[in-house]
Each structure stands twice: as structure tokens, then as C-alpha cells.
Amino acid sequence: MFHSFINIFTNLVTNRSNFIIVLCFLVTQKINYASAQVPTAAPTELYATQQFSSICDFIAGTNIATKTSFSDDWNCDINGIPITDPCSDTWYHVVCTNGFIVDLDFQSSNVVGTLPESFGLLSSLTKLNFLNDNGISGLFPTYFGNMNLRYLALDFTSLSGPLPSELGQLSELTYFSINSCKLISGPIPIEFGNLGKLMKFNMAITSVNGQIPTEIGDMTALTYLRIDDTDLTGTIPNTMGQLTNLKALAMFTVSLTGTLPTAMGLLNSLTTLNMYHTKISGTIPTSFGGLSSMKTLSMYGSSLVGPIPTQLCALTKIIEFKLQSNSLTGVFPTCFGASVNMEHIDVQHNSLIGQLPSQMSNLIKLRVLDVRFNSFTGVIPVEYASYAKLVYLYLNQNSLSGVVPSQLCTMPMVYAIDISDNTPIVCYDSCMNTIPQFTSTNVAQCTSTPTSPPTYGKY
């Protein structure tokens, strides 16, 4: 259909008035430019006129003509035709292939204004980048769906309104980001399930609302998904478990409810899960032991209950383990002693009980151990002195007893230890006072050299 219109109307485009007639006719025929591929031959006279006229409309609606960061060539004549060829090397921010405009990159160019409707005629455009151009305003264009976009970055712009369902037509799209576009609202269109090639999707810090559509499970190419700091509600759909290529998932500071889907344990490519400050409740699924690539697990500040599943000990690549400020119960699994890559454990402000596991001396990379505000009992394991890289050790507000092992003073990297408000503790050695930030509220210093467990040599 497109080529038939070209053959009929090319001869009519001899001046600007004829072009306008042609353009209006093409628009009324609703030609689907999204299905067109970038030809290898040079563009027809008609399409060349269309794309260059679109650029002139863009210049007319923005401050580009007055910006020194753009070349003097960014100008058009009184008929709305570029004075020079936009595909020449002197037109900064424009990339062409065989005479077709394929890339417009205005990142951090401080462009101010609105995008013209004629942008929808740039069917050859594969990349559009307005990152950090917060002066770009107006309603989110529906005509983006008529392009052949593979890369669309609109972060920190002032575009507003809902996400158009027409974006679901961008079958070649691999990157889409609207991070910090706080004026963009409305639900995630179910048509986004058609974006089968989309790999990176970032809609963090927006006003997007409603529920996560089940169709998100059809976006199987996703490797990076950020939906944090949005107004999303409802539950996490089970179809999330279909995103087996996903490596990073951020869905924190949202009002999501319900429980964690067991199907999420199928995400064996996931390395980072940041899902904190939500209203998620229930237990941690044992299926999460299948997250074999996991390095950062952050699920704090929610309403999780029950024990920490021992199946999580299978996460041998884990580096950061953060489950603080939930309502977890039971003992801390001793099997975490096999997590030799662990650097950060934070389970503070829960209801964990039992003794602190002494079987974790293999955690040679551990830098932070925070178990404060729980109900741990028993002595502080002397084995913790083997943590050569430990910087922070927070044990306060538990029910620990006995004498604080003086060997803790020998840890070469330690900066802060807090043993406050463990009333069963007898006392601590004076060497603890050499630690830069040692806190011992309501715990006394030993008046004589305490009897400590045997040392384990030089650490």
C-alpha cells in the first residue's frame, strides 16, 4: 500500500502546498509505517520531503534554533525545508543510513518544547533519545507506535498522560525507559505483552498505576525490569516466573500486596532482586532456592513471616542478603556457612530465635553482620573473630549471654561493634574500647581479665 501511494503522488510534490495535500491524504489513510523496514536504496523524493519536513516542524516547536550546542545548519527556510541536508555530517545529533534518518540523539541537550505530530512519519527511525531533556513536554505521543523504534529513552522528560497502547506495536523495540517521568500515569497497557524483543524496561519513579498485567510474562526477552517508586497496586502475577532471561528486577517502594509467587523461583538468571518497602506478606517460597544466579537479595521492610528457608543456602553466589524489618521467625540457618561469597547479612528487626550460628566461619568475605533487635540467645561465637574483612558487627537488643570474646578485638578491619542491651552478657574486655565505634549500653566492662574460649591463631 505504501509503495502504491508513493507511485501515485510523487509527481505531485513539486512545492510545499502540494506536499501538504499529499501528507494529509497519507495520514487519513492510516498507513502502518511500523511494519516498514529501512530500505537499502535511497529514499523516494516523497519520503525525503516528509522526514525533512518533520525535522523542521521539530525545530519550530522547540528552542533548538537558538542553542549554541547545535550547528548553524539546524535551520529551515520559510517553507519549512532544511537549508542543508540533515543527513550531512554537519547536522549534529542526527544519524542517517542511505539517506534515511535512523537516529536522533538529544541526550542532555536541554531541548525545550513539544514533539510535532509529523514525527510519526519518521518510519525509518530506530533510535530516539531525549534522556535528561526535562524541557520536553506535552502528552505522551501515540504516534511512537507508528515508528520502527528499537531504542526509546525519555528519562527525566516532562511528558505526561498515560502510556499509549500503540507502543505495543513496536515489535523491534529492545530498550524503553521513562525513568523519573513523574507526569506519566495510567496503567501498563496489556499490549506491552507484544514487545517480545524488549530487553530493558525502566518505568521507575513515575505515576504509572493499576496492576501489573499478566501479559508481562510474554515479554520473555526482558533482562532488566524496574517498576519501583510507582503507584502500582495489586499482586505480583504468576506469569512473572516466565521471565527466565531476567537478570535484574526492582520493584521496591510500591504498594504491591499478596504473597510472593512460587513461580518466581524459576528465574534462574536473576542476579539482583530489590523488592523492599512493599506490602508483600506471607512466607518466603522454598522455590527461591532455585535462584541459582542470585547475588543480591533485598526483601526488607515488608510483612514477610515464617522461617528463613534452608533452601536459600543453595544460593552459593549470594553476596548481599537483606531481610531486615519483616516478621520472620525461627532460627537463622547454619547452612549459610557455605556461602563463601557472602559480604553482607542483615536480618535486624525480626523475631529470630536460637543461638547465633558458629558454623559460619567460612564467610571469609563478610563485611557486615547485623542481627540486632531479634531474640537470639547464647554466647557470641568466638569463631566470628575469623572474619578478617568484617567492618560492622551489630548484636545489640538480643538476649545474648556470657563474656564477649576478646578475640573480636583482633579483627583487622573492624570499625563498629554494638553489644548494647544484652542484659545476660557478663562483661567485655577492655580491648574492645580500641574499636573506633564500640557501643556497650547496659553492658559492663570486665574488672579483671575474663576467661575466654581458646584462640584460633592469627587471623
Protein backbone atom coordinates (compact mmCIF):
# COMPACT_ATOMS: atom_id res chain seq x y z
CA MET A 1 0.00 0.00 0.00
CA PHE A 2 2.80 2.38 0.92
CA HIS A 3 4.56 1.95 -2.44
CA SER A 4 1.31 2.44 -4.39
CA PHE A 5 0.81 5.81 -2.71
CA ILE A 6 4.39 6.71 -3.50
CA ASN A 7 3.92 5.97 -7.21
CA ILE A 8 0.68 7.95 -7.40
CA PHE A 9 1.74 11.04 -5.52
CA THR A 10 5.47 11.53 -6.09
CA ASN A 11 4.89 13.66 -9.19
CA LEU A 12 2.54 15.95 -7.24
CA VAL A 13 5.19 17.03 -4.77
CA THR A 14 6.58 19.99 -6.63
CA ASN A 15 6.01 22.61 -3.95
CA ARG A 16 5.08 22.87 -0.29
CA SER A 17 1.32 23.23 -0.86
CA ASN A 18 1.17 20.02 -2.87
CA PHE A 19 3.19 18.28 -0.21
CA ILE A 20 0.69 19.30 2.47
CA ILE A 21 -2.13 17.83 0.38
CA VAL A 22 -0.20 14.59 -0.02
CA LEU A 23 0.68 14.47 3.66
CA CYS A 24 -2.93 14.96 4.77
CA PHE A 25 -4.08 12.18 2.46
CA LEU A 26 -1.44 9.78 3.74
CA VAL A 27 -2.37 10.48 7.35
CA THR A 28 -6.08 9.87 6.68
CA GLN A 29 -5.20 6.51 5.13
CA LYS A 30 -3.53 5.43 8.44
CA ILE A 31 -0.53 3.85 6.79
CA ASN A 32 1.25 1.47 9.17
CA TYR A 33 4.81 2.73 8.98
CA ALA A 34 5.84 0.47 11.85
CA SER A 35 5.81 -2.54 9.57
CA ALA A 36 8.19 -0.92 7.09
CA GLN A 37 11.85 -1.87 7.19
CA VAL A 38 14.62 0.59 6.38
CA PRO A 39 15.26 0.12 2.65
CA THR A 40 18.76 -0.31 1.36
CA ALA A 41 18.09 2.06 -1.56
CA ALA A 42 17.89 5.83 -1.21
CA PRO A 43 14.54 7.25 -0.04
CA THR A 44 11.98 8.41 -2.54
CA GLU A 45 11.52 12.12 -3.07
CA LEU A 46 8.25 11.97 -1.17
CA TYR A 47 9.69 10.27 1.90
CA ALA A 48 12.74 12.55 1.88
CA THR A 49 10.39 15.52 1.89
CA GLN A 50 8.35 14.02 4.72
CA GLN A 51 11.25 13.28 7.02
CA PHE A 52 12.95 16.64 6.46
CA SER A 53 9.68 18.47 6.97
CA SER A 54 9.27 16.58 10.26
CA ILE A 55 12.68 17.84 11.38
CA CYS A 56 11.68 21.40 10.53
CA ASP A 57 8.44 21.02 12.50
CA PHE A 58 10.52 19.81 15.44
CA ILE A 59 12.84 22.82 15.19
CA ALA A 60 9.85 25.17 15.01
CA GLY A 61 8.33 23.71 18.19
CA THR A 62 11.49 23.80 20.30
CA ASN A 63 14.41 26.02 21.22
CA ILE A 64 16.90 24.16 19.04
CA ALA A 65 17.44 27.02 16.59
CA THR A 66 18.71 29.22 19.43
CA LYS A 67 21.03 26.68 21.07
CA THR A 68 24.77 27.04 20.54
CA SER A 69 25.31 23.29 21.07
CA PHE A 70 23.67 22.71 17.69
CA SER A 71 25.34 23.66 14.43
CA ASP A 72 24.11 26.58 12.34
CA ASP A 73 22.80 24.01 9.87
CA TRP A 74 19.87 23.29 12.21
CA ASN A 75 17.73 25.80 10.36
CA CYS A 76 14.91 25.70 7.84
CA ASP A 77 13.68 28.13 5.20
CA ILE A 78 10.34 29.90 5.23
CA ASN A 79 8.75 26.91 3.50
CA GLY A 80 9.79 24.54 6.29
CA ILE A 81 12.55 22.88 4.30
CA PRO A 82 16.05 22.31 5.80
CA ILE A 83 18.57 24.76 4.39
CA THR A 84 21.12 21.95 4.17
CA ASP A 85 20.80 18.18 4.08
CA PRO A 86 20.10 16.85 7.63
CA CYS A 87 21.96 13.69 6.66
CA SER A 88 25.20 15.63 6.19
CA ASP A 89 27.89 15.37 8.84
CA THR A 90 27.28 18.94 9.99
CA TRP A 91 23.87 18.12 11.48
CA TYR A 92 24.86 17.06 14.98
CA HIS A 93 22.56 14.59 16.80
CA VAL A 94 21.30 13.11 13.51
CA VAL A 95 22.43 9.76 12.08
CA CYS A 96 21.31 8.59 8.66
CA THR A 97 21.62 5.36 6.73
CA ASN A 98 21.30 5.55 2.94
CA GLY A 99 19.56 8.89 3.28
CA PHE A 100 17.06 7.72 5.91
CA ILE A 101 17.08 9.33 9.37
CA VAL A 102 17.56 6.39 11.75
CA ASP A 103 18.91 8.00 14.93
CA LEU A 104 18.02 11.20 16.79
CA ASP A 105 20.06 11.58 19.98
CA PHE A 106 19.40 14.69 22.05
CA GLN A 107 20.57 13.34 25.42
CA SER A 108 21.24 16.13 27.95
CA SER A 109 20.87 18.79 25.23
CA ASN A 110 18.42 20.89 27.28
CA VAL A 111 15.86 20.86 24.50
CA VAL A 112 12.66 22.70 25.44
CA GLY A 113 9.37 22.34 23.63
CA THR A 114 6.93 19.78 22.28
CA LEU A 115 7.20 16.99 19.74
CA PRO A 116 5.30 17.53 16.47
CA GLU A 117 2.69 15.12 15.15
CA SER A 118 4.74 14.81 11.98
CA PHE A 119 7.34 12.86 13.96
CA GLY A 120 5.06 9.91 13.37
CA LEU A 121 6.11 9.97 9.71
CA LEU A 122 9.72 9.10 10.58
CA SER A 123 9.07 5.43 9.93
CA SER A 124 12.78 4.71 9.46
CA LEU A 125 13.70 5.99 12.95
CA THR A 126 15.16 3.23 15.12
CA LYS A 127 16.59 5.30 17.99
CA LEU A 128 15.13 8.30 19.79
CA ASN A 129 16.95 9.61 22.87
CA PHE A 130 15.70 12.53 24.97
CA LEU A 131 17.34 11.39 28.23
CA ASN A 132 17.67 14.28 30.72
CA ASP A 133 15.79 16.73 28.50
CA ASN A 134 13.20 17.75 31.09
CA GLY A 135 12.04 20.62 28.88
CA ILE A 136 10.33 18.19 26.51
CA SER A 137 6.64 18.34 27.43
CA GLY A 138 3.18 17.52 26.17
CA LEU A 139 1.14 14.32 26.09
CA PHE A 140 2.97 11.07 25.51
CA PRO A 141 2.78 10.68 21.71
CA THR A 142 0.70 7.80 20.42
CA TYR A 143 2.48 8.01 17.07
CA PHE A 144 5.62 6.47 18.55
CA GLY A 145 3.82 3.23 17.79
CA ASN A 146 3.98 4.07 14.07
CA MET A 147 7.78 4.08 14.04
CA ASN A 148 10.31 1.30 13.74
CA LEU A 149 11.92 2.11 17.08
CA ARG A 150 14.38 -0.22 18.73
CA TYR A 151 15.60 2.27 21.35
CA LEU A 152 13.40 4.82 23.13
CA ALA A 153 14.82 6.82 26.07
CA LEU A 154 12.65 9.55 27.57
CA ASP A 155 14.02 9.64 31.13
CA PHE A 156 13.54 12.86 33.12
CA THR A 157 11.40 14.48 30.44
CA SER A 158 8.14 16.28 31.27
CA LEU A 159 5.92 14.18 29.04
CA SER A 160 2.55 13.48 30.63
CA GLY A 161 -0.52 11.33 30.35
CA PRO A 162 -0.92 7.57 30.04
CA LEU A 163 1.34 5.13 28.24
CA PRO A 164 -0.26 4.62 24.81
CA SER A 165 -1.34 1.11 23.92
CA GLU A 166 0.09 1.82 20.44
CA LEU A 167 3.57 1.26 21.86
CA GLY A 168 2.70 -2.43 21.80
CA GLN A 169 3.15 -2.25 18.01
CA LEU A 170 6.91 -1.69 18.36
CA SER A 171 7.80 -5.30 17.71
CA GLU A 172 11.51 -4.50 17.28
CA LEU A 173 11.86 -2.44 20.48
CA THR A 174 14.70 -3.63 22.73
CA TYR A 175 15.15 -0.64 25.10
CA PHE A 176 12.43 1.53 26.65
CA SER A 177 12.97 3.88 29.59
CA ILE A 178 10.80 6.58 31.15
CA ASN A 179 12.65 6.78 34.47
CA SER A 180 11.67 9.81 36.57
CA CYS A 181 8.89 10.94 34.21
CA LYS A 182 6.63 11.75 37.14
CA LEU A 183 3.82 13.11 34.97
CA ILE A 184 3.32 9.82 33.13
CA SER A 185 0.40 7.93 34.67
CA GLY A 186 -2.22 5.32 33.88
CA PRO A 187 -1.84 1.53 33.75
CA ILE A 188 0.69 -0.59 31.93
CA PRO A 189 -1.07 -1.41 28.63
CA ILE A 190 -1.75 -5.12 28.16
CA GLU A 191 -0.47 -4.62 24.60
CA PHE A 192 3.04 -4.41 26.06
CA GLY A 193 2.90 -8.19 26.10
CA ASN A 194 3.58 -7.96 22.35
CA LEU A 195 7.03 -6.47 22.97
CA GLY A 196 8.72 -9.82 22.56
CA LYS A 197 12.17 -8.36 21.90
CA LEU A 198 12.21 -5.80 24.71
CA MET A 199 15.24 -6.45 26.91
CA LYS A 200 15.39 -3.37 29.16
CA PHE A 201 12.24 -1.73 30.54
CA ASN A 202 12.55 1.07 33.10
CA MET A 203 9.49 2.92 34.37
CA ALA A 204 10.81 3.76 37.86
CA ILE A 205 9.76 6.96 39.64
CA THR A 206 6.64 7.56 37.57
CA SER A 207 2.94 7.77 38.38
CA VAL A 208 2.07 4.61 36.49
CA ASN A 209 -0.72 2.86 38.41
CA GLY A 210 -3.04 -0.12 38.36
CA GLN A 211 -1.98 -3.74 38.48
CA ILE A 212 0.91 -5.49 36.78
CA PRO A 213 -0.76 -7.16 33.79
CA THR A 214 -0.40 -10.90 33.43
CA GLU A 215 0.78 -10.22 29.87
CA ILE A 216 4.11 -9.14 31.32
CA GLY A 217 5.00 -12.82 31.25
CA ASP A 218 5.01 -12.65 27.44
CA MET A 219 7.93 -10.19 27.48
CA THR A 220 10.31 -13.12 27.65
CA ALA A 221 13.37 -11.27 26.32
CA LEU A 222 13.46 -8.99 29.38
CA THR A 223 16.79 -8.92 31.20
CA TYR A 224 16.24 -5.70 33.19
CA LEU A 225 12.95 -4.53 34.72
CA ARG A 226 12.41 -1.54 37.00
CA ILE A 227 8.93 -0.73 38.26
CA ASP A 228 10.00 0.75 41.59
CA ASP A 229 8.65 4.02 43.03
CA THR A 230 5.44 3.83 41.05
CA ASP A 231 1.78 3.78 42.05
CA LEU A 232 1.28 0.15 41.10
CA THR A 233 -1.01 -1.91 43.31
CA GLY A 234 -2.36 -5.44 43.42
CA THR A 235 -0.43 -8.68 43.43
CA ILE A 236 2.58 -9.98 41.51
CA PRO A 237 1.25 -12.17 38.69
CA ASN A 238 2.41 -15.77 38.50
CA THR A 239 3.43 -15.12 34.90
CA MET A 240 6.43 -13.21 36.24
CA GLY A 241 8.04 -16.65 36.53
CA GLN A 242 8.12 -16.85 32.71
CA LEU A 243 10.81 -14.15 32.51
CA THR A 244 13.66 -16.64 32.67
CA ASN A 245 16.12 -14.25 30.99
CA LEU A 246 15.62 -11.62 33.67
CA LYS A 247 18.84 -10.62 35.45
CA ALA A 248 17.75 -7.58 37.48
CA LEU A 249 14.32 -6.89 38.98
CA ALA A 250 13.49 -3.77 41.00
CA MET A 251 10.01 -3.40 42.46
CA PHE A 252 10.56 -1.53 45.73
CA THR A 253 8.64 1.32 47.34
CA VAL A 254 5.37 0.24 45.77
CA SER A 255 2.06 -0.79 47.29
CA LEU A 256 2.08 -4.32 45.94
CA THR A 257 0.19 -6.79 48.14
CA GLY A 258 -0.36 -10.52 48.36
CA THR A 259 2.33 -13.16 48.57
CA LEU A 260 5.47 -13.96 46.63
CA PRO A 261 4.59 -16.22 43.68
CA THR A 262 6.22 -19.64 43.87
CA ALA A 263 6.83 -19.35 40.11
CA MET A 264 9.42 -16.62 40.74
CA GLY A 265 11.75 -19.41 41.84
CA LEU A 266 12.10 -20.25 38.14
CA LEU A 267 14.06 -17.05 37.47
CA ASN A 268 17.42 -18.81 37.45
CA SER A 269 19.14 -15.97 35.55
CA LEU A 270 18.19 -13.39 38.18
CA THR A 271 21.23 -11.86 39.90
CA THR A 272 19.56 -8.90 41.65
CA LEU A 273 16.16 -8.78 43.35
CA ASN A 274 15.35 -5.47 45.02
CA MET A 275 11.85 -5.80 46.42
CA TYR A 276 11.67 -3.82 49.62
CA HIS A 277 9.24 -1.40 51.28
CA THR A 278 6.20 -3.14 49.84
CA LYS A 279 3.06 -4.61 51.38
CA ILE A 280 4.02 -8.14 50.36
CA SER A 281 3.19 -10.67 53.08
CA GLY A 282 3.34 -14.41 53.63
CA THR A 283 6.34 -16.68 53.70
CA ILE A 284 9.42 -16.77 51.51
CA PRO A 285 8.78 -19.56 48.97
CA THR A 286 11.15 -22.51 49.25
CA SER A 287 11.31 -22.35 45.44
CA PHE A 288 13.56 -19.30 45.83
CA GLY A 289 16.33 -21.82 46.39
CA GLY A 290 16.23 -22.19 42.60
CA LEU A 291 17.50 -18.63 42.06
CA SER A 292 20.91 -20.08 41.34
CA SER A 293 22.42 -16.87 39.89
CA MET A 294 21.31 -14.64 42.77
CA LYS A 295 23.92 -12.21 44.15
CA THR A 296 21.79 -9.52 45.79
CA LEU A 297 18.58 -10.49 47.59
CA SER A 298 16.88 -7.48 49.20
CA MET A 299 13.37 -8.08 50.55
CA TYR A 300 13.28 -5.87 53.62
CA GLY A 301 10.72 -3.53 55.09
CA SER A 302 7.73 -5.67 54.12
CA SER A 303 5.47 -8.10 56.01
CA LEU A 304 7.18 -11.41 55.38
CA VAL A 305 6.60 -14.05 58.05
CA GLY A 306 7.74 -17.55 58.91
CA PRO A 307 11.24 -19.02 58.91
CA ILE A 308 14.12 -18.29 56.56
CA PRO A 309 14.00 -21.33 54.23
CA THR A 310 17.09 -23.52 54.39
CA GLN A 311 16.71 -23.85 50.61
CA LEU A 312 18.20 -20.35 50.33
CA CYS A 313 21.52 -21.86 51.37
CA ALA A 314 21.70 -23.19 47.80
CA LEU A 315 22.34 -19.63 46.61
CA THR A 316 26.10 -20.12 46.56
CA LYS A 317 26.73 -16.91 44.59
CA ILE A 318 24.91 -14.71 47.09
CA ILE A 319 26.78 -11.55 48.15
CA GLU A 320 24.11 -9.43 49.85
CA PHE A 321 21.34 -10.99 51.95
CA LYS A 322 18.93 -8.39 53.34
CA LEU A 323 15.70 -9.42 55.04
CA GLN A 324 15.56 -6.82 57.80
CA SER A 325 12.38 -5.25 59.16
CA ASN A 326 10.00 -8.10 58.47
CA SER A 327 8.29 -10.50 60.89
CA LEU A 328 10.48 -13.54 60.28
CA THR A 329 10.67 -16.22 62.96
CA GLY A 330 12.66 -19.34 63.74
CA VAL A 331 16.42 -19.84 63.77
CA PHE A 332 18.99 -18.49 61.35
CA PRO A 333 20.02 -21.40 59.11
CA THR A 334 23.52 -22.66 59.91
CA CYS A 335 23.93 -23.81 56.30
CA PHE A 336 24.68 -20.25 55.25
CA GLY A 337 28.20 -21.01 56.41
CA ALA A 338 28.78 -22.43 52.91
CA SER A 339 28.04 -19.08 51.25
CA VAL A 340 31.68 -18.19 50.76
CA ASN A 341 30.89 -15.11 48.61
CA MET A 342 28.67 -13.51 51.25
CA GLU A 343 29.62 -9.94 52.16
CA HIS A 344 26.52 -8.54 53.82
CA ILE A 345 23.95 -10.20 56.11
CA ASP A 346 21.18 -8.04 57.55
CA VAL A 347 18.28 -9.66 59.40
CA GLN A 348 17.73 -6.96 62.03
CA HIS A 349 14.28 -6.14 63.38
CA ASN A 350 12.71 -9.58 63.06
CA SER A 351 11.73 -12.22 65.63
CA LEU A 352 14.53 -14.73 65.07
CA ILE A 353 15.46 -17.00 67.97
CA GLY A 354 18.05 -19.57 68.94
CA GLN A 355 21.81 -19.26 69.09
CA LEU A 356 23.96 -17.32 66.66
CA PRO A 357 25.38 -19.97 64.32
CA SER A 358 29.07 -20.63 64.90
CA GLN A 359 29.33 -22.68 61.69
CA MET A 360 29.73 -19.57 59.55
CA SER A 361 33.47 -19.12 59.90
CA ASN A 362 33.83 -19.85 56.17
CA LEU A 363 32.38 -16.45 55.34
CA ILE A 364 35.82 -15.01 54.69
CA LYS A 365 34.46 -12.06 52.67
CA LEU A 366 31.84 -10.97 55.22
CA ARG A 367 31.91 -7.23 55.90
CA VAL A 368 28.56 -6.63 57.61
CA LEU A 369 26.70 -8.83 60.10
CA ASP A 370 23.60 -7.17 61.51
CA VAL A 371 21.30 -9.24 63.75
CA ARG A 372 20.14 -6.55 66.19
CA PHE A 373 16.60 -6.36 67.54
CA ASN A 374 15.87 -10.09 67.49
CA SER A 375 15.64 -12.70 70.24
CA PHE A 376 18.94 -14.52 69.81
CA THR A 377 20.33 -16.28 72.91
CA GLY A 378 23.55 -17.99 73.94
CA VAL A 379 27.13 -16.74 73.69
CA ILE A 380 28.76 -14.74 70.94
CA PRO A 381 30.68 -17.31 68.87
CA VAL A 382 34.44 -16.82 69.10
CA GLU A 383 34.59 -18.08 65.52
CA TYR A 384 33.41 -14.65 64.39
CA ALA A 385 36.93 -13.41 65.09
CA SER A 386 37.99 -15.20 61.89
CA TYR A 387 36.15 -12.64 59.79
CA ALA A 388 39.23 -10.82 58.55
CA LYS A 389 37.19 -8.38 56.45
CA LEU A 390 34.39 -7.71 58.93
CA VAL A 391 33.76 -3.99 59.39
CA TYR A 392 30.38 -3.82 61.14
CA LEU A 393 29.06 -6.24 63.78
CA TYR A 394 25.69 -5.33 65.29
CA LEU A 395 24.47 -7.68 68.05
CA ASN A 396 22.51 -5.26 70.22
CA GLN A 397 18.96 -5.71 71.52
CA ASN A 398 19.05 -9.50 71.82
CA SER A 399 19.37 -11.83 74.80
CA LEU A 400 22.99 -12.90 74.36
CA SER A 401 24.93 -14.10 77.38
CA GLY A 402 28.44 -14.91 78.61
CA VAL A 403 31.64 -12.95 78.17
CA VAL A 404 32.28 -11.10 74.91
CA PRO A 405 35.23 -12.92 73.25
CA SER A 406 38.32 -10.74 73.46
CA GLN A 407 39.43 -12.25 70.13
CA LEU A 408 36.97 -9.88 68.43
CA CYS A 409 39.47 -7.13 69.14
CA THR A 410 41.94 -8.75 66.76
CA MET A 411 39.78 -8.42 63.64
CA PRO A 412 41.93 -6.19 61.41
CA MET A 413 39.13 -4.37 59.57
CA VAL A 414 36.55 -3.96 62.32
CA TYR A 415 35.21 -0.44 62.76
CA ALA A 416 31.98 -0.82 64.71
CA ILE A 417 30.66 -3.36 67.23
CA ASP A 418 27.46 -2.88 69.20
CA ILE A 419 26.58 -5.25 72.05
CA SER A 420 24.17 -2.92 73.84
CA ASP A 421 21.15 -4.10 75.79
CA ASN A 422 22.04 -7.77 76.03
CA THR A 423 21.48 -7.98 79.78
CA PRO A 424 22.60 -11.62 80.18
CA ILE A 425 26.09 -10.67 78.91
CA VAL A 426 28.51 -10.75 81.86
CA CYS A 427 31.08 -8.25 80.62
CA TYR A 428 33.54 -7.33 77.85
CA ASP A 429 37.32 -6.99 77.76
CA SER A 430 38.88 -3.52 77.89
CA CYS A 431 40.48 -4.14 74.46
CA MET A 432 37.06 -3.55 72.94
CA ASN A 433 37.50 0.15 73.74
CA THR A 434 40.13 0.36 70.97
CA ILE A 435 37.46 -0.27 68.33
CA PRO A 436 36.54 3.12 66.78
CA GLN A 437 32.81 2.71 67.31
CA PHE A 438 32.24 0.31 70.19
CA THR A 439 28.84 0.61 71.89
CA SER A 440 28.02 -1.25 75.09
CA THR A 441 25.00 0.45 76.65
CA ASN A 442 23.86 -1.50 79.75
CA VAL A 443 26.79 -3.94 79.44
CA ALA A 444 29.71 -3.60 81.87
CA GLN A 445 33.45 -3.82 81.27
CA CYS A 446 35.13 -6.77 82.98
CA THR A 447 37.03 -5.75 86.12
CA SER A 448 39.62 -8.48 85.57
CA THR A 449 40.92 -10.42 82.57
CA PRO A 450 37.97 -12.60 81.56
CA THR A 451 38.25 -16.25 80.79
CA SER A 452 37.69 -16.58 77.03
CA PRO A 453 37.42 -19.55 74.73
CA PRO A 454 40.69 -20.65 73.14
CA THR A 455 42.07 -18.53 70.29
CA TYR A 456 42.30 -19.78 66.76
CA GLY A 457 45.68 -18.36 65.84
CA LYS A 458 46.42 -15.35 63.70
CA TYR A 459 43.58 -14.12 61.54
